[in-house]
Amino acid sequence: LSTDTDVSLSSCPFVPIGMAGFAAIVAYGLHTLKSRGNTKMSLHLIHMHVAAQGCVVGAMTVVMGYSMYQEFWAKPKPLMKRYNKPTL
């Protein structure tokens, strides 16, 4: 991996977590493909598609909430500077 990728992964570890969740759901869907019973193939694939998308969207939502927390609440508020106007 390049250094840019290393920096982005270390600053935001939720992206690889979302990708790993997506891969895990796809692997689970392929594993349960044999034992789906009377469920149609298309319905099984739709369920796996929705679950994988939900995992990625959930990870993105967590990232957005975390970045909003860091930006607005965790950062100390700067003090207001008073500008002294020179007297003429």
PDB file of N, CA and C in Angstrom:
ATOM      1  N   LEU A   1       0.838  -1.186   0.000  1.00  0.00           N
ATOM      2  CA  LEU A   1       0.000   0.000   0.000  1.00  0.00           C
ATOM      3  C   LEU A   1       0.877   1.242   0.000  1.00  0.00           C
ATOM      4  N   SER A   2       0.382   2.273  -0.623  1.00  0.00           N
ATOM      5  CA  SER A   2       1.140   3.514  -0.657  1.00  0.00           C
ATOM      6  C   SER A   2       1.001   4.259   0.668  1.00  0.00           C
ATOM      7  N   THR A   3       1.813   5.280   0.837  1.00  0.00           N
ATOM      8  CA  THR A   3       1.771   6.036   2.084  1.00  0.00           C
ATOM      9  C   THR A   3       0.477   6.816   2.223  1.00  0.00           C
ATOM     10  N   ASP A   4      -0.081   7.303   1.103  1.00  0.00           N
ATOM     11  CA  ASP A   4      -1.362   8.012   1.167  1.00  0.00           C
ATOM     12  C   ASP A   4      -2.463   7.095   1.666  1.00  0.00           C
ATOM     13  N   THR A   5      -2.450   5.861   1.188  1.00  0.00           N
ATOM     14  CA  THR A   5      -3.452   4.890   1.619  1.00  0.00           C
ATOM     15  C   THR A   5      -3.263   4.550   3.097  1.00  0.00           C
ATOM     16  N   ASP A   6      -2.011   4.406   3.517  1.00  0.00           N
ATOM     17  CA  ASP A   6      -1.743   4.110   4.930  1.00  0.00           C
ATOM     18  C   ASP A   6      -2.240   5.228   5.829  1.00  0.00           C
ATOM     19  N   VAL A   7      -2.020   6.463   5.422  1.00  0.00           N
ATOM     20  CA  VAL A   7      -2.463   7.601   6.223  1.00  0.00           C
ATOM     21  C   VAL A   7      -3.977   7.653   6.286  1.00  0.00           C
ATOM     22  N   SER A   8      -4.645   7.433   5.152  1.00  0.00           N
ATOM     23  CA  SER A   8      -6.108   7.498   5.147  1.00  0.00           C
ATOM     24  C   SER A   8      -6.717   6.344   5.944  1.00  0.00           C
ATOM     25  N   LEU A   9      -6.111   5.169   5.903  1.00  0.00           N
ATOM     26  CA  LEU A   9      -6.634   4.042   6.678  1.00  0.00           C
ATOM     27  C   LEU A   9      -6.394   4.234   8.167  1.00  0.00           C
ATOM     28  N   SER A  10      -5.275   4.846   8.530  1.00  0.00           N
ATOM     29  CA  SER A  10      -5.024   5.052   9.950  1.00  0.00           C
ATOM     30  C   SER A  10      -5.898   6.171  10.506  1.00  0.00           C
ATOM     31  N   SER A  11      -6.244   7.158   9.670  1.00  0.00           N
ATOM     32  CA  SER A  11      -7.096   8.245  10.157  1.00  0.00           C
ATOM     33  C   SER A  11      -8.567   7.854  10.172  1.00  0.00           C
ATOM     34  N   CYS A  12      -8.976   6.929   9.324  1.00  0.00           N
ATOM     35  CA  CYS A  12     -10.379   6.522   9.253  1.00  0.00           C
ATOM     36  C   CYS A  12     -10.458   5.004   9.094  1.00  0.00           C
ATOM     37  N   PRO A  13     -10.442   4.250  10.192  1.00  0.00           N
ATOM     38  CA  PRO A  13     -10.431   2.791  10.078  1.00  0.00           C
ATOM     39  C   PRO A  13     -11.797   2.184   9.771  1.00  0.00           C
ATOM     40  N   PHE A  14     -12.839   3.000   9.643  1.00  0.00           N
ATOM     41  CA  PHE A  14     -14.166   2.457   9.413  1.00  0.00           C
ATOM     42  C   PHE A  14     -14.366   1.972   7.981  1.00  0.00           C
ATOM     43  N   VAL A  15     -13.615   2.521   7.045  1.00  0.00           N
ATOM     44  CA  VAL A  15     -13.753   2.105   5.647  1.00  0.00           C
ATOM     45  C   VAL A  15     -13.349   0.642   5.480  1.00  0.00           C
ATOM     46  N   PRO A  16     -12.187   0.212   5.966  1.00  0.00           N
ATOM     47  CA  PRO A  16     -11.874  -1.214   5.849  1.00  0.00           C
ATOM     48  C   PRO A  16     -12.835  -2.100   6.634  1.00  0.00           C
ATOM     49  N   ILE A  17     -13.368  -1.578   7.737  1.00  0.00           N
ATOM     50  CA  ILE A  17     -14.353  -2.352   8.499  1.00  0.00           C
ATOM     51  C   ILE A  17     -15.615  -2.559   7.664  1.00  0.00           C
ATOM     52  N   GLY A  18     -16.066  -1.512   6.981  1.00  0.00           N
ATOM     53  CA  GLY A  18     -17.228  -1.629   6.099  1.00  0.00           C
ATOM     54  C   GLY A  18     -16.979  -2.588   4.952  1.00  0.00           C
ATOM     55  N   MET A  19     -15.779  -2.517   4.378  1.00  0.00           N
ATOM     56  CA  MET A  19     -15.436  -3.418   3.276  1.00  0.00           C
ATOM     57  C   MET A  19     -15.353  -4.866   3.764  1.00  0.00           C
ATOM     58  N   ALA A  20     -14.812  -5.065   4.970  1.00  0.00           N
ATOM     59  CA  ALA A  20     -14.737  -6.422   5.522  1.00  0.00           C
ATOM     60  C   ALA A  20     -16.135  -6.965   5.822  1.00  0.00           C
ATOM     61  N   GLY A  21     -17.017  -6.099   6.327  1.00  0.00           N
ATOM     62  CA  GLY A  21     -18.396  -6.519   6.563  1.00  0.00           C
ATOM     63  C   GLY A  21     -19.097  -6.900   5.274  1.00  0.00           C
ATOM     64  N   PHE A  22     -18.874  -6.113   4.232  1.00  0.00           N
ATOM     65  CA  PHE A  22     -19.439  -6.416   2.924  1.00  0.00           C
ATOM     66  C   PHE A  22     -18.956  -7.781   2.434  1.00  0.00           C
ATOM     67  N   ALA A  23     -17.643  -8.016   2.533  1.00  0.00           N
ATOM     68  CA  ALA A  23     -17.085  -9.294   2.086  1.00  0.00           C
ATOM     69  C   ALA A  23     -17.618 -10.458   2.926  1.00  0.00           C
ATOM     70  N   ALA A  24     -17.785 -10.238   4.232  1.00  0.00           N
ATOM     71  CA  ALA A  24     -18.301 -11.295   5.099  1.00  0.00           C
ATOM     72  C   ALA A  24     -19.745 -11.645   4.745  1.00  0.00           C
ATOM     73  N   ILE A  25     -20.546 -10.638   4.453  1.00  0.00           N
ATOM     74  CA  ILE A  25     -21.946 -10.900   4.094  1.00  0.00           C
ATOM     75  C   ILE A  25     -22.033 -11.623   2.758  1.00  0.00           C
ATOM     76  N   VAL A  26     -21.197 -11.230   1.811  1.00  0.00           N
ATOM     77  CA  VAL A  26     -21.186 -11.923   0.519  1.00  0.00           C
ATOM     78  C   VAL A  26     -20.738 -13.373   0.700  1.00  0.00           C
ATOM     79  N   ALA A  27     -19.711 -13.596   1.515  1.00  0.00           N
ATOM     80  CA  ALA A  27     -19.247 -14.962   1.762  1.00  0.00           C
ATOM     81  C   ALA A  27     -20.333 -15.787   2.450  1.00  0.00           C
ATOM     82  N   TYR A  28     -21.018 -15.188   3.414  1.00  0.00           N
ATOM     83  CA  TYR A  28     -22.109 -15.883   4.093  1.00  0.00           C
ATOM     84  C   TYR A  28     -23.235 -16.208   3.109  1.00  0.00           C
ATOM     85  N   GLY A  29     -23.545 -15.270   2.227  1.00  0.00           N
ATOM     86  CA  GLY A  29     -24.592 -15.507   1.235  1.00  0.00           C
ATOM     87  C   GLY A  29     -24.242 -16.631   0.290  1.00  0.00           C
ATOM     88  N   LEU A  30     -22.977 -16.695  -0.118  1.00  0.00           N
ATOM     89  CA  LEU A  30     -22.557 -17.794  -0.985  1.00  0.00           C
ATOM     90  C   LEU A  30     -22.558 -19.123  -0.236  1.00  0.00           C
ATOM     91  N   HIS A  31     -22.221 -19.088   1.037  1.00  0.00           N
ATOM     92  CA  HIS A  31     -22.217 -20.311   1.845  1.00  0.00           C
ATOM     93  C   HIS A  31     -23.630 -20.851   2.054  1.00  0.00           C
ATOM     94  N   THR A  32     -24.585 -19.950   2.275  1.00  0.00           N
ATOM     95  CA  THR A  32     -25.964 -20.393   2.521  1.00  0.00           C
ATOM     96  C   THR A  32     -26.757 -20.603   1.230  1.00  0.00           C
ATOM     97  N   LEU A  33     -26.099 -20.442   0.113  1.00  0.00           N
ATOM     98  CA  LEU A  33     -26.797 -20.613  -1.167  1.00  0.00           C
ATOM     99  C   LEU A  33     -27.328 -22.043  -1.326  1.00  0.00           C
ATOM    100  N   LYS A  34     -26.582 -23.023  -0.823  1.00  0.00           N
ATOM    101  CA  LYS A  34     -27.003 -24.425  -0.932  1.00  0.00           C
ATOM    102  C   LYS A  34     -28.221 -24.726  -0.068  1.00  0.00           C
ATOM    103  N   SER A  35     -28.267 -24.117   1.112  1.00  0.00           N
ATOM    104  CA  SER A  35     -29.329 -24.461   2.058  1.00  0.00           C
ATOM    105  C   SER A  35     -30.429 -23.406   2.092  1.00  0.00           C
ATOM    106  N   ARG A  36     -30.749 -22.829   0.959  1.00  0.00           N
ATOM    107  CA  ARG A  36     -31.783 -21.783   0.943  1.00  0.00           C
ATOM    108  C   ARG A  36     -33.189 -22.359   0.911  1.00  0.00           C
ATOM    109  N   GLY A  37     -33.322 -23.641   0.750  1.00  0.00           N
ATOM    110  CA  GLY A  37     -34.639 -24.279   0.780  1.00  0.00           C
ATOM    111  C   GLY A  37     -35.472 -23.926  -0.442  1.00  0.00           C
ATOM    112  N   ASN A  38     -36.744 -23.560  -0.210  1.00  0.00           N
ATOM    113  CA  ASN A  38     -37.654 -23.249  -1.304  1.00  0.00           C
ATOM    114  C   ASN A  38     -37.555 -21.795  -1.762  1.00  0.00           C
ATOM    115  N   THR A  39     -36.650 -21.031  -1.179  1.00  0.00           N
ATOM    116  CA  THR A  39     -36.519 -19.626  -1.546  1.00  0.00           C
ATOM    117  C   THR A  39     -35.956 -19.515  -2.953  1.00  0.00           C
ATOM    118  N   LYS A  40     -36.543 -18.631  -3.744  1.00  0.00           N
ATOM    119  CA  LYS A  40     -36.050 -18.442  -5.099  1.00  0.00           C
ATOM    120  C   LYS A  40     -34.668 -17.819  -5.065  1.00  0.00           C
ATOM    121  N   MET A  41     -33.903 -18.089  -6.114  1.00  0.00           N
ATOM    122  CA  MET A  41     -32.544 -17.560  -6.206  1.00  0.00           C
ATOM    123  C   MET A  41     -32.552 -16.033  -6.211  1.00  0.00           C
ATOM    124  N   SER A  42     -33.477 -15.442  -6.942  1.00  0.00           N
ATOM    125  CA  SER A  42     -33.502 -13.984  -7.036  1.00  0.00           C
ATOM    126  C   SER A  42     -33.798 -13.340  -5.675  1.00  0.00           C
ATOM    127  N   LEU A  43     -34.692 -13.935  -4.913  1.00  0.00           N
ATOM    128  CA  LEU A  43     -35.014 -13.400  -3.592  1.00  0.00           C
ATOM    129  C   LEU A  43     -33.821 -13.533  -2.643  1.00  0.00           C
ATOM    130  N   HIS A  44     -33.123 -14.645  -2.732  1.00  0.00           N
ATOM    131  CA  HIS A  44     -31.923 -14.842  -1.917  1.00  0.00           C
ATOM    132  C   HIS A  44     -30.870 -13.787  -2.264  1.00  0.00           C
ATOM    133  N   LEU A  45     -30.660 -13.538  -3.547  1.00  0.00           N
ATOM    134  CA  LEU A  45     -29.670 -12.547  -3.971  1.00  0.00           C
ATOM    135  C   LEU A  45     -30.084 -11.136  -3.562  1.00  0.00           C
ATOM    136  N   ILE A  46     -31.363 -10.838  -3.615  1.00  0.00           N
ATOM    137  CA  ILE A  46     -31.840  -9.516  -3.188  1.00  0.00           C
ATOM    138  C   ILE A  46     -31.583  -9.326  -1.699  1.00  0.00           C
ATOM    139  N   HIS A  47     -31.846 -10.360  -0.891  1.00  0.00           N
ATOM    140  CA  HIS A  47     -31.595 -10.257   0.549  1.00  0.00           C
ATOM    141  C   HIS A  47     -30.114 -10.030   0.839  1.00  0.00           C
ATOM    142  N   MET A  48     -29.247 -10.751   0.136  1.00  0.00           N
ATOM    143  CA  MET A  48     -27.812 -10.578   0.339  1.00  0.00           C
ATOM    144  C   MET A  48     -27.350  -9.199  -0.129  1.00  0.00           C
ATOM    145  N   HIS A  49     -27.926  -8.716  -1.204  1.00  0.00           N
ATOM    146  CA  HIS A  49     -27.584  -7.384  -1.727  1.00  0.00           C
ATOM    147  C   HIS A  49     -27.973  -6.308  -0.721  1.00  0.00           C
ATOM    148  N   VAL A  50     -29.159  -6.405  -0.169  1.00  0.00           N
ATOM    149  CA  VAL A  50     -29.627  -5.413   0.809  1.00  0.00           C
ATOM    150  C   VAL A  50     -28.789  -5.477   2.083  1.00  0.00           C
ATOM    151  N   ALA A  51     -28.435  -6.681   2.528  1.00  0.00           N
ATOM    152  CA  ALA A  51     -27.614  -6.811   3.734  1.00  0.00           C
ATOM    153  C   ALA A  51     -26.223  -6.225   3.517  1.00  0.00           C
ATOM    154  N   ALA A  52     -25.624  -6.487   2.361  1.00  0.00           N
ATOM    155  CA  ALA A  52     -24.290  -5.951   2.080  1.00  0.00           C
ATOM    156  C   ALA A  52     -24.333  -4.432   1.970  1.00  0.00           C
ATOM    157  N   GLN A  53     -25.332  -3.903   1.298  1.00  0.00           N
ATOM    158  CA  GLN A  53     -25.470  -2.446   1.203  1.00  0.00           C
ATOM    159  C   GLN A  53     -25.706  -1.834   2.572  1.00  0.00           C
ATOM    160  N   GLY A  54     -26.487  -2.481   3.395  1.00  0.00           N
ATOM    161  CA  GLY A  54     -26.740  -1.981   4.740  1.00  0.00           C
ATOM    162  C   GLY A  54     -25.474  -1.917   5.564  1.00  0.00           C
ATOM    163  N   CYS A  55     -24.598  -2.886   5.397  1.00  0.00           N
ATOM    164  CA  CYS A  55     -23.332  -2.887   6.127  1.00  0.00           C
ATOM    165  C   CYS A  55     -22.465  -1.709   5.693  1.00  0.00           C
ATOM    166  N   VAL A  56     -22.378  -1.468   4.398  1.00  0.00           N
ATOM    167  CA  VAL A  56     -21.558  -0.362   3.894  1.00  0.00           C
ATOM    168  C   VAL A  56     -22.164   0.980   4.291  1.00  0.00           C
ATOM    169  N   VAL A  57     -23.466   1.136   4.152  1.00  0.00           N
ATOM    170  CA  VAL A  57     -24.123   2.398   4.523  1.00  0.00           C
ATOM    171  C   VAL A  57     -24.027   2.627   6.028  1.00  0.00           C
ATOM    172  N   GLY A  58     -24.142   1.556   6.810  1.00  0.00           N
ATOM    173  CA  GLY A  58     -23.981   1.687   8.252  1.00  0.00           C
ATOM    174  C   GLY A  58     -22.580   2.150   8.621  1.00  0.00           C
ATOM    175  N   ALA A  59     -21.566   1.599   7.958  1.00  0.00           N
ATOM    176  CA  ALA A  59     -20.192   2.033   8.219  1.00  0.00           C
ATOM    177  C   ALA A  59     -19.996   3.488   7.825  1.00  0.00           C
ATOM    178  N   MET A  60     -20.588   3.891   6.707  1.00  0.00           N
ATOM    179  CA  MET A  60     -20.481   5.295   6.279  1.00  0.00           C
ATOM    180  C   MET A  60     -21.187   6.218   7.257  1.00  0.00           C
ATOM    181  N   THR A  61     -22.307   5.781   7.803  1.00  0.00           N
ATOM    182  CA  THR A  61     -23.040   6.586   8.785  1.00  0.00           C
ATOM    183  C   THR A  61     -22.233   6.744  10.061  1.00  0.00           C
ATOM    184  N   VAL A  62     -21.605   5.669  10.497  1.00  0.00           N
ATOM    185  CA  VAL A  62     -20.767   5.742  11.694  1.00  0.00           C
ATOM    186  C   VAL A  62     -19.591   6.687  11.454  1.00  0.00           C
ATOM    187  N   VAL A  63     -18.987   6.611  10.278  1.00  0.00           N
ATOM    188  CA  VAL A  63     -17.879   7.509   9.946  1.00  0.00           C
ATOM    189  C   VAL A  63     -18.338   8.957   9.953  1.00  0.00           C
ATOM    190  N   MET A  64     -19.486   9.226   9.378  1.00  0.00           N
ATOM    191  CA  MET A  64     -20.004  10.598   9.340  1.00  0.00           C
ATOM    192  C   MET A  64     -20.284  11.103  10.749  1.00  0.00           C
ATOM    193  N   GLY A  65     -20.904  10.287  11.576  1.00  0.00           N
ATOM    194  CA  GLY A  65     -21.173  10.685  12.953  1.00  0.00           C
ATOM    195  C   GLY A  65     -19.891  10.912  13.737  1.00  0.00           C
ATOM    196  N   TYR A  66     -18.908  10.054  13.541  1.00  0.00           N
ATOM    197  CA  TYR A  66     -17.628  10.207  14.228  1.00  0.00           C
ATOM    198  C   TYR A  66     -16.919  11.485  13.798  1.00  0.00           C
ATOM    199  N   SER A  67     -16.918  11.768  12.501  1.00  0.00           N
ATOM    200  CA  SER A  67     -16.252  12.984  12.026  1.00  0.00           C
ATOM    201  C   SER A  67     -16.996  14.233  12.494  1.00  0.00           C
ATOM    202  N   MET A  68     -18.325  14.183  12.562  1.00  0.00           N
ATOM    203  CA  MET A  68     -19.080  15.317  13.086  1.00  0.00           C
ATOM    204  C   MET A  68     -18.777  15.522  14.564  1.00  0.00           C
ATOM    205  N   TYR A  69     -18.671  14.439  15.300  1.00  0.00           N
ATOM    206  CA  TYR A  69     -18.316  14.538  16.715  1.00  0.00           C
ATOM    207  C   TYR A  69     -16.939  15.177  16.873  1.00  0.00           C
ATOM    208  N   GLN A  70     -15.976  14.704  16.085  1.00  0.00           N
ATOM    209  CA  GLN A  70     -14.622  15.258  16.167  1.00  0.00           C
ATOM    210  C   GLN A  70     -14.597  16.727  15.782  1.00  0.00           C
ATOM    211  N   GLU A  71     -15.383  17.103  14.783  1.00  0.00           N
ATOM    212  CA  GLU A  71     -15.357  18.477  14.283  1.00  0.00           C
ATOM    213  C   GLU A  71     -16.063  19.457  15.209  1.00  0.00           C
ATOM    214  N   PHE A  72     -17.193  19.074  15.763  1.00  0.00           N
ATOM    215  CA  PHE A  72     -18.027  20.040  16.479  1.00  0.00           C
ATOM    216  C   PHE A  72     -17.976  19.926  18.001  1.00  0.00           C
ATOM    217  N   TRP A  73     -17.818  18.730  18.548  1.00  0.00           N
ATOM    218  CA  TRP A  73     -17.914  18.585  19.993  1.00  0.00           C
ATOM    219  C   TRP A  73     -16.580  18.285  20.667  1.00  0.00           C
ATOM    220  N   ALA A  74     -15.736  17.507  20.057  1.00  0.00           N
ATOM    221  CA  ALA A  74     -14.495  17.100  20.704  1.00  0.00           C
ATOM    222  C   ALA A  74     -13.417  18.176  20.629  1.00  0.00           C
ATOM    223  N   LYS A  75     -13.482  19.010  19.609  1.00  0.00           N
ATOM    224  CA  LYS A  75     -12.472  20.037  19.435  1.00  0.00           C
ATOM    225  C   LYS A  75     -12.760  21.201  20.373  1.00  0.00           C
ATOM    226  N   PRO A  76     -11.749  21.702  21.095  1.00  0.00           N
ATOM    227  CA  PRO A  76     -12.006  22.859  21.964  1.00  0.00           C
ATOM    228  C   PRO A  76     -12.324  24.096  21.129  1.00  0.00           C
ATOM    229  N   LYS A  77     -13.235  24.883  21.637  1.00  0.00           N
ATOM    230  CA  LYS A  77     -13.663  26.062  20.897  1.00  0.00           C
ATOM    231  C   LYS A  77     -12.611  27.165  21.032  1.00  0.00           C
ATOM    232  N   PRO A  78     -12.289  27.817  19.919  1.00  0.00           N
ATOM    233  CA  PRO A  78     -11.292  28.890  19.994  1.00  0.00           C
ATOM    234  C   PRO A  78     -11.864  30.105  20.719  1.00  0.00           C
ATOM    235  N   LEU A  79     -10.999  30.807  21.403  1.00  0.00           N
ATOM    236  CA  LEU A  79     -11.420  32.009  22.098  1.00  0.00           C
ATOM    237  C   LEU A  79     -11.624  33.136  21.090  1.00  0.00           C
ATOM    238  N   MET A  80     -12.605  33.941  21.346  1.00  0.00           N
ATOM    239  CA  MET A  80     -12.859  35.091  20.475  1.00  0.00           C
ATOM    240  C   MET A  80     -11.794  36.147  20.757  1.00  0.00           C
ATOM    241  N   LYS A  81     -11.171  36.629  19.723  1.00  0.00           N
ATOM    242  CA  LYS A  81     -10.166  37.672  19.889  1.00  0.00           C
ATOM    243  C   LYS A  81     -10.835  39.026  19.762  1.00  0.00           C
ATOM    244  N   ARG A  82     -10.449  39.904  20.630  1.00  0.00           N
ATOM    245  CA  ARG A  82     -10.948  41.266  20.536  1.00  0.00           C
ATOM    246  C   ARG A  82      -9.977  42.085  19.730  1.00  0.00           C
ATOM    247  N   TYR A  83     -10.515  42.750  18.786  1.00  0.00           N
ATOM    248  CA  TYR A  83      -9.660  43.610  17.961  1.00  0.00           C
ATOM    249  C   TYR A  83      -9.701  45.027  18.530  1.00  0.00           C
ATOM    250  N   ASN A  84      -8.577  45.500  18.938  1.00  0.00           N
ATOM    251  CA  ASN A  84      -8.487  46.851  19.451  1.00  0.00           C
ATOM    252  C   ASN A  84      -8.287  47.806  18.291  1.00  0.00           C
ATOM    253  N   LYS A  85      -9.241  48.693  18.126  1.00  0.00           N
ATOM    254  CA  LYS A  85      -9.125  49.675  17.062  1.00  0.00           C
ATOM    255  C   LYS A  85      -8.220  50.823  17.537  1.00  0.00           C
ATOM    256  N   PRO A  86      -7.310  51.203  16.705  1.00  0.00           N
ATOM    257  CA  PRO A  86      -6.435  52.303  17.091  1.00  0.00           C
ATOM    258  C   PRO A  86      -7.227  53.602  17.197  1.00  0.00           C
ATOM    259  N   THR A  87      -6.927  54.365  18.208  1.00  0.00           N
ATOM    260  CA  THR A  87      -7.607  55.659  18.370  1.00  0.00           C
ATOM    261  C   THR A  87      -6.883  56.701  17.561  1.00  0.00           C
ATOM    262  N   LEU A  88      -7.635  57.576  16.935  1.00  0.00           N
ATOM    263  CA  LEU A  88      -7.045  58.619  16.124  1.00  0.00           C
ATOM    264  C   LEU A  88      -6.875  59.897  16.868  1.00  0.00           C
TER     265      LEU A  88
END
